[in-house]
Every structure is written in structure tokens, then in C-alpha cells.
């Protein structure tokens, strides 16, 4: 299960992480976000220890969403050593997400 991240915990959880971080930018009212949530949770379990998976509610943390110019959700953003390295916008199949994670871990 992915942990929640907020504006208050963002720097510590994401920018200072020594492992690859996947952040799921989502909102309660977003249908595609609900579709991708179980996939994100499965990825979290499968890559435990290699990938940190976090969820950020864009309605509750608009400052972080604005900082990264989130225009559509779900947006799945990858961070490595404090830098954004890749992102996927929209609900994507698990296989496509795994290919992205594997390439970023390589």
C-alpha cells in the first residue's frame, strides 16, 4: 500500500530519498485515479525495498501540484536523488508502468 505524502513531508519523503520514488498525484473525485490506484499498490508491493511509492492528494496539497505543473490527474511522477526524472499522465496498464520502473531502476 502506498503511503500518503503532504506538503509538510514532501522534502523529507521525496526530495531527500536515496531510492527511486514514484508519486501518484490524485484526487478523491477523479475516476481514472481510482482505476490506477490498485495498480500503484501492486507496484508498491512488487518493488518493495527498491522503489518508494507515495500518494499526494492534489486537492489537499495544491502547492506541490502547482510546483510540478500538474495539469491532469492521475500523474505518476518519478524522482531520483531529489530530481524529477520521468512521468506518466493518465491511467496506464500495469505492464507499461512496470517497463518504466524497470528502466529507471536499471
PDB file of N, CA and C in Angstrom:
ATOM      1  N   UNK A   1       0.833  -1.183   0.000  1.00  0.00           N
ATOM      2  CA  UNK A   1       0.000   0.000   0.000  1.00  0.00           C
ATOM      3  C   UNK A   1       0.882   1.252   0.000  1.00  0.00           C
ATOM      4  N   UNK A   2       0.555   2.172  -0.875  1.00  0.00           N
ATOM      5  CA  UNK A   2       1.329   3.412  -0.964  1.00  0.00           C
ATOM      6  C   UNK A   2       1.013   4.318   0.225  1.00  0.00           C
ATOM      7  N   UNK A   3       2.043   4.980   0.735  1.00  0.00           N
ATOM      8  CA  UNK A   3       1.873   5.909   1.849  1.00  0.00           C
ATOM      9  C   UNK A   3       1.502   7.288   1.316  1.00  0.00           C
ATOM     10  N   UNK A   4       0.839   8.063   2.149  1.00  0.00           N
ATOM     11  CA  UNK A   4       0.481   9.432   1.778  1.00  0.00           C
ATOM     12  C   UNK A   4       1.667  10.357   2.019  1.00  0.00           C
ATOM     13  N   UNK A   5       1.814  11.335   1.143  1.00  0.00           N
ATOM     14  CA  UNK A   5       2.810  12.385   1.319  1.00  0.00           C
ATOM     15  C   UNK A   5       2.052  13.710   1.238  1.00  0.00           C
ATOM     16  N   UNK A   6       2.526  14.701   1.998  1.00  0.00           N
ATOM     17  CA  UNK A   6       1.869  16.009   2.026  1.00  0.00           C
ATOM     18  C   UNK A   6       2.916  17.093   1.778  1.00  0.00           C
ATOM     19  N   UNK A   7       2.441  18.326   1.687  1.00  0.00           N
ATOM     20  CA  UNK A   7       3.363  19.461   1.544  1.00  0.00           C
ATOM     21  C   UNK A   7       4.391  19.465   2.675  1.00  0.00           C
ATOM     22  N   UNK A   8       3.940  19.126   3.880  1.00  0.00           N
ATOM     23  CA  UNK A   8       4.813  19.156   5.059  1.00  0.00           C
ATOM     24  C   UNK A   8       5.892  18.073   5.019  1.00  0.00           C
ATOM     25  N   UNK A   9       5.592  16.929   4.411  1.00  0.00           N
ATOM     26  CA  UNK A   9       6.543  15.807   4.396  1.00  0.00           C
ATOM     27  C   UNK A   9       7.243  15.632   3.048  1.00  0.00           C
ATOM     28  N   UNK A  10       6.909  16.470   2.077  1.00  0.00           N
ATOM     29  CA  UNK A  10       7.408  16.323   0.700  1.00  0.00           C
ATOM     30  C   UNK A  10       8.935  16.266   0.615  1.00  0.00           C
ATOM     31  N   UNK A  11       9.611  17.281   1.165  1.00  0.00           N
ATOM     32  CA  UNK A  11      11.073  17.342   1.043  1.00  0.00           C
ATOM     33  C   UNK A  11      11.736  16.104   1.637  1.00  0.00           C
ATOM     34  N   UNK A  12      11.304  15.716   2.835  1.00  0.00           N
ATOM     35  CA  UNK A  12      11.907  14.571   3.509  1.00  0.00           C
ATOM     36  C   UNK A  12      11.617  13.263   2.771  1.00  0.00           C
ATOM     37  N   UNK A  13      10.369  13.049   2.397  1.00  0.00           N
ATOM     38  CA  UNK A  13       9.950  11.775   1.800  1.00  0.00           C
ATOM     39  C   UNK A  13      10.374  11.614   0.339  1.00  0.00           C
ATOM     40  N   UNK A  14      10.376  12.714  -0.414  1.00  0.00           N
ATOM     41  CA  UNK A  14      10.627  12.625  -1.855  1.00  0.00           C
ATOM     42  C   UNK A  14      12.007  13.152  -2.225  1.00  0.00           C
ATOM     43  N   UNK A  15      12.260  14.412  -1.926  1.00  0.00           N
ATOM     44  CA  UNK A  15      13.484  15.054  -2.403  1.00  0.00           C
ATOM     45  C   UNK A  15      14.741  14.535  -1.715  1.00  0.00           C
ATOM     46  N   UNK A  16      14.636  14.071  -0.474  1.00  0.00           N
ATOM     47  CA  UNK A  16      15.815  13.571   0.250  1.00  0.00           C
ATOM     48  C   UNK A  16      15.923  12.049   0.215  1.00  0.00           C
ATOM     49  N   UNK A  17      15.037  11.388  -0.516  1.00  0.00           N
ATOM     50  CA  UNK A  17      15.066   9.922  -0.578  1.00  0.00           C
ATOM     51  C   UNK A  17      16.281   9.446  -1.369  1.00  0.00           C
ATOM     52  N   UNK A  18      16.885   8.364  -0.896  1.00  0.00           N
ATOM     53  CA  UNK A  18      18.034   7.792  -1.600  1.00  0.00           C
ATOM     54  C   UNK A  18      17.599   6.716  -2.598  1.00  0.00           C
ATOM     55  N   UNK A  19      16.319   6.334  -2.568  1.00  0.00           N
ATOM     56  CA  UNK A  19      15.816   5.352  -3.523  1.00  0.00           C
ATOM     57  C   UNK A  19      14.924   6.049  -4.547  1.00  0.00           C
ATOM     58  N   UNK A  20      14.637   5.356  -5.633  1.00  0.00           N
ATOM     59  CA  UNK A  20      13.705   5.856  -6.638  1.00  0.00           C
ATOM     60  C   UNK A  20      12.336   6.029  -5.988  1.00  0.00           C
ATOM     61  N   UNK A  21      11.673   7.151  -6.276  1.00  0.00           N
ATOM     62  CA  UNK A  21      10.365   7.443  -5.690  1.00  0.00           C
ATOM     63  C   UNK A  21       9.335   7.601  -6.807  1.00  0.00           C
ATOM     64  N   UNK A  22       8.194   6.930  -6.632  1.00  0.00           N
ATOM     65  CA  UNK A  22       7.049   7.108  -7.520  1.00  0.00           C
ATOM     66  C   UNK A  22       5.979   7.837  -6.720  1.00  0.00           C
ATOM     67  N   UNK A  23       5.541   9.004  -7.216  1.00  0.00           N
ATOM     68  CA  UNK A  23       4.484   9.761  -6.548  1.00  0.00           C
ATOM     69  C   UNK A  23       3.243   9.741  -7.441  1.00  0.00           C
ATOM     70  N   UNK A  24       2.141   9.275  -6.872  1.00  0.00           N
ATOM     71  CA  UNK A  24       0.849   9.255  -7.543  1.00  0.00           C
ATOM     72  C   UNK A  24       0.096  10.521  -7.141  1.00  0.00           C
ATOM     73  N   UNK A  25      -0.008  11.468  -8.069  1.00  0.00           N
ATOM     74  CA  UNK A  25      -0.795  12.687  -7.837  1.00  0.00           C
ATOM     75  C   UNK A  25      -2.243  12.351  -8.179  1.00  0.00           C
ATOM     76  N   UNK A  26      -3.151  12.482  -7.201  1.00  0.00           N
ATOM     77  CA  UNK A  26      -4.531  12.038  -7.375  1.00  0.00           C
ATOM     78  C   UNK A  26      -5.496  12.953  -6.622  1.00  0.00           C
ATOM     79  N   UNK A  27      -6.797  12.692  -6.811  1.00  0.00           N
ATOM     80  CA  UNK A  27      -7.845  13.380  -6.048  1.00  0.00           C
ATOM     81  C   UNK A  27      -9.013  12.420  -5.874  1.00  0.00           C
ATOM     82  N   UNK A  28      -9.781  12.633  -4.811  1.00  0.00           N
ATOM     83  CA  UNK A  28     -10.900  11.756  -4.460  1.00  0.00           C
ATOM     84  C   UNK A  28     -11.928  11.659  -5.592  1.00  0.00           C
ATOM     85  N   UNK A  29     -12.204  12.769  -6.262  1.00  0.00           N
ATOM     86  CA  UNK A  29     -13.256  12.835  -7.276  1.00  0.00           C
ATOM     87  C   UNK A  29     -12.829  12.299  -8.644  1.00  0.00           C
ATOM     88  N   UNK A  30     -11.587  11.887  -8.792  1.00  0.00           N
ATOM     89  CA  UNK A  30     -11.016  11.508 -10.088  1.00  0.00           C
ATOM     90  C   UNK A  30     -11.222  10.013 -10.379  1.00  0.00           C
ATOM     91  N   UNK A  31     -12.068   9.710 -11.361  1.00  0.00           N
ATOM     92  CA  UNK A  31     -12.344   8.320 -11.746  1.00  0.00           C
ATOM     93  C   UNK A  31     -11.108   7.555 -12.201  1.00  0.00           C
ATOM     94  N   UNK A  32     -10.332   8.098 -13.162  1.00  0.00           N
ATOM     95  CA  UNK A  32      -9.114   7.397 -13.600  1.00  0.00           C
ATOM     96  C   UNK A  32      -8.121   7.169 -12.461  1.00  0.00           C
ATOM     97  N   UNK A  33      -8.128   8.076 -11.465  1.00  0.00           N
ATOM     98  CA  UNK A  33      -7.248   7.891 -10.300  1.00  0.00           C
ATOM     99  C   UNK A  33      -7.640   6.627  -9.540  1.00  0.00           C
ATOM    100  N   UNK A  34      -8.939   6.398  -9.411  1.00  0.00           N
ATOM    101  CA  UNK A  34      -9.416   5.189  -8.724  1.00  0.00           C
ATOM    102  C   UNK A  34      -9.078   3.944  -9.534  1.00  0.00           C
ATOM    103  N   UNK A  35      -9.043   4.080 -10.865  1.00  0.00           N
ATOM    104  CA  UNK A  35      -8.687   2.934 -11.711  1.00  0.00           C
ATOM    105  C   UNK A  35      -7.215   2.561 -11.558  1.00  0.00           C
ATOM    106  N   UNK A  36      -6.357   3.550 -11.442  1.00  0.00           N
ATOM    107  CA  UNK A  36      -4.914   3.292 -11.394  1.00  0.00           C
ATOM    108  C   UNK A  36      -4.428   2.968  -9.973  1.00  0.00           C
ATOM    109  N   UNK A  37      -5.210   3.317  -8.950  1.00  0.00           N
ATOM    110  CA  UNK A  37      -4.785   3.105  -7.555  1.00  0.00           C
ATOM    111  C   UNK A  37      -4.401   1.653  -7.238  1.00  0.00           C
ATOM    112  N   UNK A  38      -5.205   0.645  -7.639  1.00  0.00           N
ATOM    113  CA  UNK A  38      -4.799  -0.735  -7.326  1.00  0.00           C
ATOM    114  C   UNK A  38      -3.505  -1.140  -8.038  1.00  0.00           C
ATOM    115  N   UNK A  39      -3.271  -0.606  -9.219  1.00  0.00           N
ATOM    116  CA  UNK A  39      -2.036  -0.902  -9.961  1.00  0.00           C
ATOM    117  C   UNK A  39      -0.843  -0.305  -9.212  1.00  0.00           C
ATOM    118  N   UNK A  40      -1.002   0.927  -8.742  1.00  0.00           N
ATOM    119  CA  UNK A  40       0.069   1.583  -7.984  1.00  0.00           C
ATOM    120  C   UNK A  40       0.364   0.787  -6.711  1.00  0.00           C
ATOM    121  N   UNK A  41      -0.676   0.291  -6.041  1.00  0.00           N
ATOM    122  CA  UNK A  41      -0.472  -0.513  -4.832  1.00  0.00           C
ATOM    123  C   UNK A  41       0.259  -1.819  -5.140  1.00  0.00           C
ATOM    124  N   UNK A  42      -0.083  -2.456  -6.275  1.00  0.00           N
ATOM    125  CA  UNK A  42       0.611  -3.694  -6.668  1.00  0.00           C
ATOM    126  C   UNK A  42       2.078  -3.418  -6.965  1.00  0.00           C
ATOM    127  N   UNK A  43       2.359  -2.333  -7.656  1.00  0.00           N
ATOM    128  CA  UNK A  43       3.740  -1.943  -7.959  1.00  0.00           C
ATOM    129  C   UNK A  43       4.502  -1.714  -6.649  1.00  0.00           C
ATOM    130  N   UNK A  44       3.838  -1.073  -5.690  1.00  0.00           N
ATOM    131  CA  UNK A  44       4.449  -0.809  -4.392  1.00  0.00           C
ATOM    132  C   UNK A  44       4.887  -2.104  -3.721  1.00  0.00           C
ATOM    133  N   UNK A  45       4.031  -3.127  -3.768  1.00  0.00           N
ATOM    134  CA  UNK A  45       4.354  -4.420  -3.147  1.00  0.00           C
ATOM    135  C   UNK A  45       5.450  -5.140  -3.926  1.00  0.00           C
ATOM    136  N   UNK A  46       5.345  -5.159  -5.249  1.00  0.00           N
ATOM    137  CA  UNK A  46       6.300  -5.903  -6.081  1.00  0.00           C
ATOM    138  C   UNK A  46       7.711  -5.324  -6.028  1.00  0.00           C
ATOM    139  N   UNK A  47       7.812  -4.018  -5.857  1.00  0.00           N
ATOM    140  CA  UNK A  47       9.120  -3.368  -5.854  1.00  0.00           C
ATOM    141  C   UNK A  47       9.538  -2.907  -4.460  1.00  0.00           C
ATOM    142  N   UNK A  48       8.958  -3.496  -3.434  1.00  0.00           N
ATOM    143  CA  UNK A  48       9.288  -3.135  -2.049  1.00  0.00           C
ATOM    144  C   UNK A  48      10.795  -3.240  -1.835  1.00  0.00           C
ATOM    145  N   UNK A  49      11.373  -2.207  -1.234  1.00  0.00           N
ATOM    146  CA  UNK A  49      12.808  -2.191  -0.980  1.00  0.00           C
ATOM    147  C   UNK A  49      13.612  -1.571  -2.115  1.00  0.00           C
ATOM    148  N   UNK A  50      13.016  -1.499  -3.311  1.00  0.00           N
ATOM    149  CA  UNK A  50      13.713  -0.924  -4.464  1.00  0.00           C
ATOM    150  C   UNK A  50      13.093   0.393  -4.909  1.00  0.00           C
ATOM    151  N   UNK A  51      11.808   0.560  -4.586  1.00  0.00           N
ATOM    152  CA  UNK A  51      11.037   1.718  -5.046  1.00  0.00           C
ATOM    153  C   UNK A  51      10.148   2.201  -3.901  1.00  0.00           C
ATOM    154  N   UNK A  52      10.180   3.495  -3.621  1.00  0.00           N
ATOM    155  CA  UNK A  52       9.294   4.090  -2.624  1.00  0.00           C
ATOM    156  C   UNK A  52       8.080   4.629  -3.378  1.00  0.00           C
ATOM    157  N   UNK A  53       6.887   4.215  -2.973  1.00  0.00           N
ATOM    158  CA  UNK A  53       5.659   4.642  -3.638  1.00  0.00           C
ATOM    159  C   UNK A  53       4.829   5.491  -2.679  1.00  0.00           C
ATOM    160  N   UNK A  54       4.498   6.706  -3.136  1.00  0.00           N
ATOM    161  CA  UNK A  54       3.753   7.656  -2.320  1.00  0.00           C
ATOM    162  C   UNK A  54       2.566   8.207  -3.100  1.00  0.00           C
ATOM    163  N   UNK A  55       1.538   8.657  -2.366  1.00  0.00           N
ATOM    164  CA  UNK A  55       0.360   9.263  -2.982  1.00  0.00           C
ATOM    165  C   UNK A  55       0.192  10.681  -2.449  1.00  0.00           C
ATOM    166  N   UNK A  56      -0.041  11.634  -3.369  1.00  0.00           N
ATOM    167  CA  UNK A  56      -0.259  13.015  -2.967  1.00  0.00           C
ATOM    168  C   UNK A  56      -1.634  13.461  -3.459  1.00  0.00           C
ATOM    169  N   UNK A  57      -2.491  13.840  -2.507  1.00  0.00           N
ATOM    170  CA  UNK A  57      -3.820  14.340  -2.836  1.00  0.00           C
ATOM    171  C   UNK A  57      -3.666  15.785  -3.316  1.00  0.00           C
ATOM    172  N   UNK A  58      -3.960  16.024  -4.601  1.00  0.00           N
ATOM    173  CA  UNK A  58      -3.733  17.350  -5.189  1.00  0.00           C
ATOM    174  C   UNK A  58      -4.682  18.404  -4.627  1.00  0.00           C
ATOM    175  N   UNK A  59      -5.875  18.000  -4.188  1.00  0.00           N
ATOM    176  CA  UNK A  59      -6.812  18.961  -3.590  1.00  0.00           C
ATOM    177  C   UNK A  59      -6.315  19.456  -2.238  1.00  0.00           C
ATOM    178  N   UNK A  60      -5.675  18.575  -1.476  1.00  0.00           N
ATOM    179  CA  UNK A  60      -5.203  18.922  -0.138  1.00  0.00           C
ATOM    180  C   UNK A  60      -3.807  19.545  -0.143  1.00  0.00           C
ATOM    181  N   UNK A  61      -3.077  19.366  -1.253  1.00  0.00           N
ATOM    182  CA  UNK A  61      -1.695  19.867  -1.351  1.00  0.00           C
ATOM    183  C   UNK A  61      -1.476  20.580  -2.689  1.00  0.00           C
ATOM    184  N   UNK A  62      -2.249  21.648  -2.955  1.00  0.00           N
ATOM    185  CA  UNK A  62      -2.164  22.308  -4.266  1.00  0.00           C
ATOM    186  C   UNK A  62      -0.815  22.979  -4.532  1.00  0.00           C
ATOM    187  N   UNK A  63      -0.090  23.334  -3.469  1.00  0.00           N
ATOM    188  CA  UNK A  63       1.214  23.968  -3.658  1.00  0.00           C
ATOM    189  C   UNK A  63       2.212  23.026  -4.329  1.00  0.00           C
ATOM    190  N   UNK A  64       2.232  21.767  -3.906  1.00  0.00           N
ATOM    191  CA  UNK A  64       3.148  20.793  -4.512  1.00  0.00           C
ATOM    192  C   UNK A  64       2.706  20.490  -5.954  1.00  0.00           C
ATOM    193  N   UNK A  65       1.405  20.303  -6.155  1.00  0.00           N
ATOM    194  CA  UNK A  65       0.894  20.046  -7.505  1.00  0.00           C
ATOM    195  C   UNK A  65       1.236  21.208  -8.441  1.00  0.00           C
ATOM    196  N   UNK A  66       1.137  22.427  -7.930  1.00  0.00           N
ATOM    197  CA  UNK A  66       1.471  23.608  -8.724  1.00  0.00           C
ATOM    198  C   UNK A  66       2.954  23.696  -9.036  1.00  0.00           C
ATOM    199  N   UNK A  67       3.780  23.336  -8.059  1.00  0.00           N
ATOM    200  CA  UNK A  67       5.235  23.387  -8.246  1.00  0.00           C
ATOM    201  C   UNK A  67       5.685  22.500  -9.400  1.00  0.00           C
ATOM    202  N   UNK A  68       4.999  21.366  -9.574  1.00  0.00           N
ATOM    203  CA  UNK A  68       5.369  20.428 -10.640  1.00  0.00           C
ATOM    204  C   UNK A  68       4.443  20.524 -11.849  1.00  0.00           C
ATOM    205  N   UNK A  69       3.642  21.601 -11.899  1.00  0.00           N
ATOM    206  CA  UNK A  69       2.777  21.902 -13.035  1.00  0.00           C
ATOM    207  C   UNK A  69       1.881  20.721 -13.426  1.00  0.00           C
ATOM    208  N   UNK A  70       1.232  20.138 -12.410  1.00  0.00           N
ATOM    209  CA  UNK A  70       0.306  19.032 -12.653  1.00  0.00           C
ATOM    210  C   UNK A  70      -0.945  19.604 -13.317  1.00  0.00           C
ATOM    211  N   UNK A  71      -1.200  19.211 -14.552  1.00  0.00           N
ATOM    212  CA  UNK A  71      -2.353  19.715 -15.304  1.00  0.00           C
ATOM    213  C   UNK A  71      -3.470  18.678 -15.394  1.00  0.00           C
ATOM    214  N   UNK A  72      -3.116  17.405 -15.306  1.00  0.00           N
ATOM    215  CA  UNK A  72      -4.103  16.328 -15.372  1.00  0.00           C
ATOM    216  C   UNK A  72      -3.745  15.251 -14.374  1.00  0.00           C
ATOM    217  N   UNK A  73      -4.764  14.621 -13.820  1.00  0.00           N
ATOM    218  CA  UNK A  73      -4.516  13.519 -12.896  1.00  0.00           C
ATOM    219  C   UNK A  73      -5.282  12.296 -13.374  1.00  0.00           C
ATOM    220  N   UNK A  74      -4.810  11.105 -13.095  1.00  0.00           N
ATOM    221  CA  UNK A  74      -3.602  10.846 -12.308  1.00  0.00           C
ATOM    222  C   UNK A  74      -2.326  11.182 -13.083  1.00  0.00           C
ATOM    223  N   UNK A  75      -1.355  11.721 -12.371  1.00  0.00           N
ATOM    224  CA  UNK A  75       0.003  11.869 -12.882  1.00  0.00           C
ATOM    225  C   UNK A  75       0.893  11.049 -11.969  1.00  0.00           C
ATOM    226  N   UNK A  76       1.664  10.155 -12.565  1.00  0.00           N
ATOM    227  CA  UNK A  76       2.621   9.334 -11.821  1.00  0.00           C
ATOM    228  C   UNK A  76       4.004   9.894 -12.133  1.00  0.00           C
ATOM    229  N   UNK A  77       4.640  10.461 -11.134  1.00  0.00           N
ATOM    230  CA  UNK A  77       5.911  11.139 -11.336  1.00  0.00           C
ATOM    231  C   UNK A  77       7.024  10.401 -10.601  1.00  0.00           C
ATOM    232  N   UNK A  78       8.151  10.268 -11.271  1.00  0.00           N
ATOM    233  CA  UNK A  78       9.302   9.557 -10.709  1.00  0.00           C
ATOM    234  C   UNK A  78      10.393  10.549 -10.326  1.00  0.00           C
ATOM    235  N   UNK A  79      10.969  10.333  -9.131  1.00  0.00           N
ATOM    236  CA  UNK A  79      12.044  11.178  -8.625  1.00  0.00           C
ATOM    237  C   UNK A  79      13.236  10.306  -8.256  1.00  0.00           C
ATOM    238  N   UNK A  80      14.431  10.803  -8.604  1.00  0.00           N
ATOM    239  CA  UNK A  80      15.677  10.112  -8.255  1.00  0.00           C
ATOM    240  C   UNK A  80      16.641  11.177  -7.749  1.00  0.00           C
ATOM    241  N   UNK A  81      17.173  10.981  -6.550  1.00  0.00           N
ATOM    242  CA  UNK A  81      18.105  11.936  -5.949  1.00  0.00           C
ATOM    243  C   UNK A  81      17.542  13.357  -5.935  1.00  0.00           C
ATOM    244  N   UNK A  82      16.248  13.481  -5.631  1.00  0.00           N
ATOM    245  CA  UNK A  82      15.629  14.792  -5.500  1.00  0.00           C
ATOM    246  C   UNK A  82      15.197  15.447  -6.800  1.00  0.00           C
ATOM    247  N   UNK A  83      15.461  14.807  -7.933  1.00  0.00           N
ATOM    248  CA  UNK A  83      15.122  15.371  -9.232  1.00  0.00           C
ATOM    249  C   UNK A  83      14.010  14.574  -9.906  1.00  0.00           C
ATOM    250  N   UNK A  84      13.103  15.281 -10.592  1.00  0.00           N
ATOM    251  CA  UNK A  84      12.078  14.591 -11.380  1.00  0.00           C
ATOM    252  C   UNK A  84      12.768  13.986 -12.596  1.00  0.00           C
ATOM    253  N   UNK A  85      12.619  12.680 -12.794  1.00  0.00           N
ATOM    254  CA  UNK A  85      13.292  12.010 -13.905  1.00  0.00           C
ATOM    255  C   UNK A  85      12.330  11.519 -14.978  1.00  0.00           C
ATOM    256  N   UNK A  86      11.052  11.377 -14.648  1.00  0.00           N
ATOM    257  CA  UNK A  86      10.087  10.897 -15.640  1.00  0.00           C
ATOM    258  C   UNK A  86       8.688  11.054 -15.085  1.00  0.00           C
ATOM    259  N   UNK A  87       7.684  10.916 -15.966  1.00  0.00           N
ATOM    260  CA  UNK A  87       6.303  10.947 -15.509  1.00  0.00           C
ATOM    261  C   UNK A  87       5.398  10.282 -16.525  1.00  0.00           C
ATOM    262  N   UNK A  88       4.248   9.835 -16.032  1.00  0.00           N
ATOM    263  CA  UNK A  88       3.203   9.247 -16.853  1.00  0.00           C
ATOM    264  C   UNK A  88       1.915   9.963 -16.469  1.00  0.00           C
ATOM    265  N   UNK A  89       1.178  10.454 -17.466  1.00  0.00           N
ATOM    266  CA  UNK A  89      -0.085  11.131 -17.190  1.00  0.00           C
ATOM    267  C   UNK A  89      -1.225  10.242 -17.666  1.00  0.00           C
ATOM    268  N   UNK A  90      -2.224  10.053 -16.810  1.00  0.00           N
ATOM    269  CA  UNK A  90      -3.380   9.233 -17.157  1.00  0.00           C
ATOM    270  C   UNK A  90      -3.243   7.824 -16.615  1.00  0.00           C
ATOM    271  N   UNK A  91      -4.351   7.094 -16.703  1.00  0.00           N
ATOM    272  CA  UNK A  91      -4.359   5.705 -16.243  1.00  0.00           C
ATOM    273  C   UNK A  91      -3.664   4.842 -17.292  1.00  0.00           C
ATOM    274  N   UNK A  92      -2.647   4.117 -16.880  1.00  0.00           N
ATOM    275  CA  UNK A  92      -1.890   3.265 -17.801  1.00  0.00           C
ATOM    276  C   UNK A  92      -1.929   1.825 -17.311  1.00  0.00           C
ATOM    277  N   UNK A  93      -1.771   0.868 -18.244  1.00  0.00           N
ATOM    278  CA  UNK A  93      -1.739  -0.542 -17.838  1.00  0.00           C
ATOM    279  C   UNK A  93      -0.521  -0.836 -16.962  1.00  0.00           C
ATOM    280  N   UNK A  94      -0.670  -1.827 -16.112  1.00  0.00           N
ATOM    281  CA  UNK A  94       0.403  -2.211 -15.195  1.00  0.00           C
ATOM    282  C   UNK A  94       1.683  -2.559 -15.951  1.00  0.00           C
ATOM    283  N   UNK A  95       1.556  -3.283 -17.064  1.00  0.00           N
ATOM    284  CA  UNK A  95       2.738  -3.683 -17.831  1.00  0.00           C
ATOM    285  C   UNK A  95       3.545  -2.468 -18.286  1.00  0.00           C
ATOM    286  N   UNK A  96       2.852  -1.438 -18.729  1.00  0.00           N
ATOM    287  CA  UNK A  96       3.528  -0.218 -19.183  1.00  0.00           C
ATOM    288  C   UNK A  96       4.242   0.467 -18.024  1.00  0.00           C
ATOM    289  N   UNK A  97       3.613   0.484 -16.879  1.00  0.00           N
ATOM    290  CA  UNK A  97       4.214   1.107 -15.694  1.00  0.00           C
ATOM    291  C   UNK A  97       5.446   0.320 -15.240  1.00  0.00           C
ATOM    292  N   UNK A  98       5.361  -1.016 -15.293  1.00  0.00           N
ATOM    293  CA  UNK A  98       6.496  -1.855 -14.892  1.00  0.00           C
ATOM    294  C   UNK A  98       7.703  -1.633 -15.802  1.00  0.00           C
ATOM    295  N   UNK A  99       7.463  -1.465 -17.097  1.00  0.00           N
ATOM    296  CA  UNK A  99       8.560  -1.200 -18.038  1.00  0.00           C
ATOM    297  C   UNK A  99       9.263   0.098 -17.657  1.00  0.00           C
ATOM    298  N   UNK A 100       8.474   1.111 -17.315  1.00  0.00           N
ATOM    299  CA  UNK A 100       9.025   2.415 -16.918  1.00  0.00           C
ATOM    300  C   UNK A 100       9.848   2.275 -15.626  1.00  0.00           C
ATOM    301  N   UNK A 101       9.301   1.581 -14.629  1.00  0.00           N
ATOM    302  CA  UNK A 101      10.001   1.396 -13.359  1.00  0.00           C
ATOM    303  C   UNK A 101      11.295   0.623 -13.577  1.00  0.00           C
ATOM    304  N   UNK A 102      11.220  -0.453 -14.340  1.00  0.00           N
ATOM    305  CA  UNK A 102      12.418  -1.273 -14.594  1.00  0.00           C
ATOM    306  C   UNK A 102      13.517  -0.445 -15.277  1.00  0.00           C
ATOM    307  N   UNK A 103      13.128   0.393 -16.240  1.00  0.00           N
ATOM    308  CA  UNK A 103      14.132   1.191 -16.951  1.00  0.00           C
ATOM    309  C   UNK A 103      14.768   2.227 -16.026  1.00  0.00           C
ATOM    310  N   UNK A 104      13.979   2.779 -15.094  1.00  0.00           N
ATOM    311  CA  UNK A 104      14.526   3.776 -14.170  1.00  0.00           C
ATOM    312  C   UNK A 104      15.377   3.145 -13.071  1.00  0.00           C
ATOM    313  N   UNK A 105      15.108   1.878 -12.758  1.00  0.00           N
ATOM    314  CA  UNK A 105      15.911   1.186 -11.742  1.00  0.00           C
ATOM    315  C   UNK A 105      17.209   0.644 -12.334  1.00  0.00           C
ATOM    316  N   UNK A 106      17.261   0.472 -13.644  1.00  0.00           N
ATOM    317  CA  UNK A 106      18.426  -0.130 -14.306  1.00  0.00           C
ATOM    318  C   UNK A 106      19.652   0.769 -14.210  1.00  0.00           C
TER     319      UNK A 106
END
